[in-house]
Amino acid sequence: MSTWRKSSYTANIECVEVLLAETVGVRDTKARHLGQLTVSRSAWTALISVVQPAREHRG
């Protein structure tokens, strides 16, 4: 069973949660009642491949 995980980048501020399963869910922890965005694993992997290097570059 998959569980929602809070972004480690948000520190102690609630912001984004991700559910890594067959598909990937993304939701705002402050507005869970609004639902979630669901994307394919390949779309999630493509996004992370772009975002991760940019985050590491900022330091």
N, C-alpha and C. Protein backbone atom coordinates (compact mmCIF):
# COMPACT_ATOMS: atom_id res chain seq x y z
N MET A 1 0.84 -1.19 0.00
CA MET A 1 0.00 0.00 0.00
C MET A 1 0.88 1.25 0.00
N SER A 2 0.56 2.18 -0.84
CA SER A 2 1.31 3.43 -0.93
C SER A 2 0.77 4.44 0.07
N THR A 3 1.65 5.33 0.51
CA THR A 3 1.23 6.38 1.43
C THR A 3 1.65 7.74 0.89
N TRP A 4 0.90 8.75 1.27
CA TRP A 4 1.23 10.11 0.89
C TRP A 4 2.47 10.54 1.65
N ARG A 5 3.38 11.23 0.95
CA ARG A 5 4.61 11.73 1.56
C ARG A 5 4.71 13.23 1.32
N LYS A 6 5.05 13.93 2.39
CA LYS A 6 5.23 15.38 2.29
C LYS A 6 6.59 15.68 1.68
N SER A 7 6.66 16.67 0.84
CA SER A 7 7.90 17.08 0.23
C SER A 7 8.93 17.43 1.30
N SER A 8 10.13 16.87 1.20
CA SER A 8 11.19 17.19 2.16
C SER A 8 11.71 18.60 1.96
N TYR A 9 11.47 19.18 0.81
CA TYR A 9 11.96 20.51 0.49
C TYR A 9 11.16 21.60 1.21
N THR A 10 9.97 21.26 1.70
CA THR A 10 9.12 22.27 2.32
C THR A 10 9.44 22.50 3.79
N ALA A 11 10.40 21.77 4.33
CA ALA A 11 10.79 21.89 5.75
C ALA A 11 9.58 21.62 6.63
N ASN A 12 9.26 22.53 7.53
CA ASN A 12 8.13 22.33 8.44
C ASN A 12 6.83 22.94 7.93
N ILE A 13 6.89 23.56 6.78
CA ILE A 13 5.70 24.18 6.20
C ILE A 13 4.96 23.15 5.36
N GLU A 14 3.68 22.99 5.62
CA GLU A 14 2.90 22.06 4.81
C GLU A 14 2.73 22.67 3.43
N CYS A 15 2.95 21.86 2.42
CA CYS A 15 2.89 22.39 1.07
C CYS A 15 2.37 21.35 0.09
N VAL A 16 3.23 20.42 -0.28
CA VAL A 16 2.89 19.44 -1.31
C VAL A 16 3.10 18.03 -0.78
N GLU A 17 2.17 17.15 -1.14
CA GLU A 17 2.31 15.74 -0.82
C GLU A 17 2.27 14.95 -2.13
N VAL A 18 2.99 13.85 -2.15
CA VAL A 18 3.05 13.01 -3.33
C VAL A 18 2.71 11.58 -2.95
N LEU A 19 1.95 10.92 -3.80
CA LEU A 19 1.62 9.51 -3.64
C LEU A 19 2.25 8.77 -4.80
N LEU A 20 3.29 7.98 -4.53
CA LEU A 20 3.95 7.22 -5.57
C LEU A 20 3.33 5.84 -5.63
N ALA A 21 2.57 5.60 -6.67
CA ALA A 21 1.89 4.32 -6.87
C ALA A 21 1.97 4.01 -8.36
N GLU A 22 1.04 3.21 -8.87
CA GLU A 22 1.02 2.92 -10.31
C GLU A 22 0.93 4.21 -11.11
N THR A 23 0.13 5.15 -10.60
CA THR A 23 0.13 6.52 -11.09
C THR A 23 0.59 7.39 -9.92
N VAL A 24 0.94 8.63 -10.19
CA VAL A 24 1.47 9.51 -9.15
C VAL A 24 0.43 10.58 -8.84
N GLY A 25 0.12 10.73 -7.55
CA GLY A 25 -0.81 11.76 -7.12
C GLY A 25 -0.05 12.90 -6.47
N VAL A 26 -0.51 14.11 -6.70
CA VAL A 26 0.08 15.30 -6.09
C VAL A 26 -1.07 16.13 -5.53
N ARG A 27 -0.92 16.58 -4.28
CA ARG A 27 -1.98 17.40 -3.68
C ARG A 27 -1.38 18.45 -2.74
N ASP A 28 -2.16 19.47 -2.49
CA ASP A 28 -1.80 20.54 -1.57
C ASP A 28 -2.25 20.11 -0.18
N THR A 29 -1.34 20.07 0.77
CA THR A 29 -1.70 19.60 2.11
C THR A 29 -2.67 20.53 2.81
N LYS A 30 -2.71 21.79 2.42
CA LYS A 30 -3.63 22.73 3.05
C LYS A 30 -5.02 22.67 2.42
N ALA A 31 -5.14 22.02 1.28
CA ALA A 31 -6.42 21.98 0.57
C ALA A 31 -6.70 20.57 0.05
N ARG A 32 -6.50 19.59 0.88
CA ARG A 32 -6.74 18.20 0.47
C ARG A 32 -8.15 17.98 -0.04
N HIS A 33 -9.08 18.74 0.50
CA HIS A 33 -10.49 18.60 0.11
C HIS A 33 -10.73 18.95 -1.36
N LEU A 34 -9.78 19.61 -1.99
CA LEU A 34 -9.91 19.97 -3.41
C LEU A 34 -9.48 18.85 -4.34
N GLY A 35 -8.97 17.75 -3.79
CA GLY A 35 -8.58 16.62 -4.62
C GLY A 35 -7.10 16.60 -4.93
N GLN A 36 -6.77 15.88 -5.98
CA GLN A 36 -5.37 15.69 -6.34
C GLN A 36 -5.20 15.72 -7.85
N LEU A 37 -3.99 16.01 -8.26
CA LEU A 37 -3.58 15.89 -9.65
C LEU A 37 -2.96 14.51 -9.80
N THR A 38 -3.37 13.76 -10.80
CA THR A 38 -2.81 12.43 -11.03
C THR A 38 -2.12 12.41 -12.39
N VAL A 39 -0.88 11.94 -12.40
CA VAL A 39 -0.10 11.85 -13.64
C VAL A 39 0.51 10.46 -13.76
N SER A 40 0.93 10.12 -14.95
CA SER A 40 1.58 8.83 -15.17
C SER A 40 2.97 8.83 -14.54
N ARG A 41 3.49 7.65 -14.28
CA ARG A 41 4.85 7.54 -13.73
C ARG A 41 5.86 8.15 -14.70
N SER A 42 5.67 7.96 -16.00
CA SER A 42 6.63 8.51 -16.96
C SER A 42 6.59 10.04 -16.96
N ALA A 43 5.41 10.64 -16.82
CA ALA A 43 5.31 12.10 -16.74
C ALA A 43 5.98 12.61 -15.47
N TRP A 44 5.79 11.91 -14.36
CA TRP A 44 6.41 12.30 -13.08
C TRP A 44 7.94 12.22 -13.20
N THR A 45 8.44 11.15 -13.77
CA THR A 45 9.89 10.97 -13.95
C THR A 45 10.46 12.08 -14.82
N ALA A 46 9.75 12.44 -15.88
CA ALA A 46 10.22 13.53 -16.75
C ALA A 46 10.27 14.85 -15.99
N LEU A 47 9.26 15.13 -15.18
CA LEU A 47 9.26 16.36 -14.38
C LEU A 47 10.42 16.39 -13.41
N ILE A 48 10.63 15.30 -12.69
CA ILE A 48 11.71 15.24 -11.70
C ILE A 48 13.07 15.39 -12.36
N SER A 49 13.23 14.84 -13.56
CA SER A 49 14.52 14.95 -14.25
C SER A 49 14.86 16.40 -14.60
N VAL A 50 13.84 17.24 -14.72
CA VAL A 50 14.06 18.66 -15.00
C VAL A 50 14.20 19.45 -13.70
N VAL A 51 13.36 19.17 -12.72
CA VAL A 51 13.33 19.94 -11.48
C VAL A 51 14.53 19.63 -10.59
N GLN A 52 14.91 18.39 -10.45
CA GLN A 52 15.98 18.01 -9.54
C GLN A 52 17.30 18.72 -9.84
N PRO A 53 17.78 18.74 -11.09
CA PRO A 53 19.03 19.47 -11.35
C PRO A 53 18.92 20.96 -11.06
N ALA A 54 17.76 21.55 -11.30
CA ALA A 54 17.59 22.98 -11.01
C ALA A 54 17.64 23.23 -9.51
N ARG A 55 17.06 22.35 -8.74
CA ARG A 55 17.09 22.49 -7.28
C ARG A 55 18.52 22.35 -6.75
N GLU A 56 19.27 21.40 -7.27
CA GLU A 56 20.64 21.18 -6.83
C GLU A 56 21.51 22.37 -7.24
N HIS A 57 21.22 22.95 -8.37
CA HIS A 57 22.00 24.10 -8.86
C HIS A 57 21.82 25.33 -7.96
N ARG A 58 20.60 25.50 -7.43
CA ARG A 58 20.33 26.65 -6.57
C ARG A 58 21.05 26.53 -5.23
N GLY A 59 21.30 25.29 -4.82
CA GLY A 59 22.02 25.07 -3.57
C GLY A 59 21.13 25.23 -2.43
